């Protein structure tokens, strides 16, 4: 299985666990930051396997946020210039 298939599998698992998520951009950034923090903890623990797993979670959460944005479930207003 290639990495993109692994990310897709993780996304399916997220949807099965949490359902379709409709978070605001700031909420997605908090969720993503939490996953990045877990990846950092794995590095500090010198746990290569856990680090890889957490990076997979980071990628899948980023994909979920993009999916929500593309589907119009996430509103991002442009600032007036």
C-alpha atoms as a PDB file:
ATOM      1  CA  UNK A   1       0.000   0.000   0.000  1.00  0.00           C
ATOM      2  CA  UNK A   2       1.379   3.433  -0.861  1.00  0.00           C
ATOM      3  CA  UNK A   3       1.286   6.454   1.412  1.00  0.00           C
ATOM      4  CA  UNK A   4      -1.705   8.037  -0.341  1.00  0.00           C
ATOM      5  CA  UNK A   5      -3.698   4.860   0.169  1.00  0.00           C
ATOM      6  CA  UNK A   6      -2.707   4.900   3.830  1.00  0.00           C
ATOM      7  CA  UNK A   7      -3.910   8.500   4.170  1.00  0.00           C
ATOM      8  CA  UNK A   8      -7.196   7.594   2.454  1.00  0.00           C
ATOM      9  CA  UNK A   9      -7.623   4.649   4.819  1.00  0.00           C
ATOM     10  CA  UNK A  10      -6.961   6.909   7.815  1.00  0.00           C
ATOM     11  CA  UNK A  11      -9.531   9.399   6.480  1.00  0.00           C
ATOM     12  CA  UNK A  12     -12.122   6.621   6.240  1.00  0.00           C
ATOM     13  CA  UNK A  13     -11.311   5.641   9.803  1.00  0.00           C
ATOM     14  CA  UNK A  14     -11.730   9.226  10.973  1.00  0.00           C
ATOM     15  CA  UNK A  15     -15.116   9.497   9.288  1.00  0.00           C
ATOM     16  CA  UNK A  16     -16.198   6.163  10.780  1.00  0.00           C
ATOM     17  CA  UNK A  17     -15.155   7.313  14.246  1.00  0.00           C
ATOM     18  CA  UNK A  18     -16.270  10.954  14.189  1.00  0.00           C
ATOM     19  CA  UNK A  19     -18.646  11.277  11.236  1.00  0.00           C
ATOM     20  CA  UNK A  20     -18.361  14.096   8.729  1.00  0.00           C
ATOM     21  CA  UNK A  21     -16.795  17.053  10.516  1.00  0.00           C
ATOM     22  CA  UNK A  22     -17.865  20.639   9.896  1.00  0.00           C
ATOM     23  CA  UNK A  23     -15.320  22.665  11.823  1.00  0.00           C
ATOM     24  CA  UNK A  24     -14.450  26.326  11.458  1.00  0.00           C
ATOM     25  CA  UNK A  25     -10.932  27.006  10.159  1.00  0.00           C
ATOM     26  CA  UNK A  26      -9.606  27.849  13.629  1.00  0.00           C
ATOM     27  CA  UNK A  27     -10.981  24.560  14.973  1.00  0.00           C
ATOM     28  CA  UNK A  28      -9.282  22.623  12.174  1.00  0.00           C
ATOM     29  CA  UNK A  29      -6.020  24.362  13.037  1.00  0.00           C
ATOM     30  CA  UNK A  30      -6.404  23.380  16.693  1.00  0.00           C
ATOM     31  CA  UNK A  31      -7.074  19.751  15.730  1.00  0.00           C
ATOM     32  CA  UNK A  32      -4.133  19.779  13.314  1.00  0.00           C
ATOM     33  CA  UNK A  33      -1.877  21.375  15.946  1.00  0.00           C
ATOM     34  CA  UNK A  34      -2.845  18.676  18.429  1.00  0.00           C
ATOM     35  CA  UNK A  35      -1.806  16.016  15.919  1.00  0.00           C
ATOM     36  CA  UNK A  36       1.474  17.826  15.233  1.00  0.00           C
ATOM     37  CA  UNK A  37       2.057  17.917  18.991  1.00  0.00           C
ATOM     38  CA  UNK A  38       1.547  14.161  19.175  1.00  0.00           C
ATOM     39  CA  UNK A  39       4.069  13.730  16.352  1.00  0.00           C
ATOM     40  CA  UNK A  40       6.534  15.899  18.282  1.00  0.00           C
ATOM     41  CA  UNK A  41       6.006  13.784  21.385  1.00  0.00           C
ATOM     42  CA  UNK A  42       6.727  10.636  19.363  1.00  0.00           C
ATOM     43  CA  UNK A  43       9.994  12.168  18.142  1.00  0.00           C
ATOM     44  CA  UNK A  44      11.002  13.053  21.693  1.00  0.00           C
ATOM     45  CA  UNK A  45      10.144   9.486  22.701  1.00  0.00           C
ATOM     46  CA  UNK A  46      12.351   8.233  19.855  1.00  0.00           C
ATOM     47  CA  UNK A  47       9.509   6.031  18.690  1.00  0.00           C
ATOM     48  CA  UNK A  48       9.881   5.807  14.914  1.00  0.00           C
ATOM     49  CA  UNK A  49       6.704   3.769  14.388  1.00  0.00           C
ATOM     50  CA  UNK A  50       4.564   6.085  16.514  1.00  0.00           C
ATOM     51  CA  UNK A  51       6.101   9.122  14.776  1.00  0.00           C
ATOM     52  CA  UNK A  52       5.104   7.704  11.396  1.00  0.00           C
ATOM     53  CA  UNK A  53       1.583   6.965  12.653  1.00  0.00           C
ATOM     54  CA  UNK A  54       1.204  10.488  13.993  1.00  0.00           C
ATOM     55  CA  UNK A  55       2.447  11.998  10.727  1.00  0.00           C
ATOM     56  CA  UNK A  56      -0.208   9.933   8.985  1.00  0.00           C
ATOM     57  CA  UNK A  57      -2.792  11.481  11.327  1.00  0.00           C
ATOM     58  CA  UNK A  58      -1.445  14.961  10.538  1.00  0.00           C
ATOM     59  CA  UNK A  59      -1.802  14.319   6.811  1.00  0.00           C
ATOM     60  CA  UNK A  60      -5.304  12.879   7.171  1.00  0.00           C
ATOM     61  CA  UNK A  61      -6.533  15.789   9.313  1.00  0.00           C
ATOM     62  CA  UNK A  62      -5.133  18.259   6.778  1.00  0.00           C
ATOM     63  CA  UNK A  63      -6.954  16.370   4.008  1.00  0.00           C
ATOM     64  CA  UNK A  64     -10.185  16.426   6.039  1.00  0.00           C
ATOM     65  CA  UNK A  65      -9.918  20.201   6.428  1.00  0.00           C
ATOM     66  CA  UNK A  66      -9.333  20.603   2.684  1.00  0.00           C
ATOM     67  CA  UNK A  67     -12.284  18.316   1.912  1.00  0.00           C
ATOM     68  CA  UNK A  68     -14.537  20.452   4.116  1.00  0.00           C
ATOM     69  CA  UNK A  69     -13.294  23.638   2.491  1.00  0.00           C
ATOM     70  CA  UNK A  70     -13.792  22.281  -1.027  1.00  0.00           C
ATOM     71  CA  UNK A  71     -17.281  20.990  -0.152  1.00  0.00           C
ATOM     72  CA  UNK A  72     -18.287  24.395   1.197  1.00  0.00           C
ATOM     73  CA  UNK A  73     -18.689  23.097   4.755  1.00  0.00           C
ATOM     74  CA  UNK A  74     -16.005  25.494   5.967  1.00  0.00           C
ATOM     75  CA  UNK A  75     -16.567  29.199   5.481  1.00  0.00           C
ATOM     76  CA  UNK A  76     -13.489  31.318   4.987  1.00  0.00           C
ATOM     77  CA  UNK A  77     -14.117  34.957   4.335  1.00  0.00           C
ATOM     78  CA  UNK A  78     -11.607  36.972   2.395  1.00  0.00           C
ATOM     79  CA  UNK A  79     -10.404  40.147   3.971  1.00  0.00           C
ATOM     80  CA  UNK A  80     -11.144  43.373   2.168  1.00  0.00           C
ATOM     81  CA  UNK A  81      -7.945  44.793   0.697  1.00  0.00           C
END
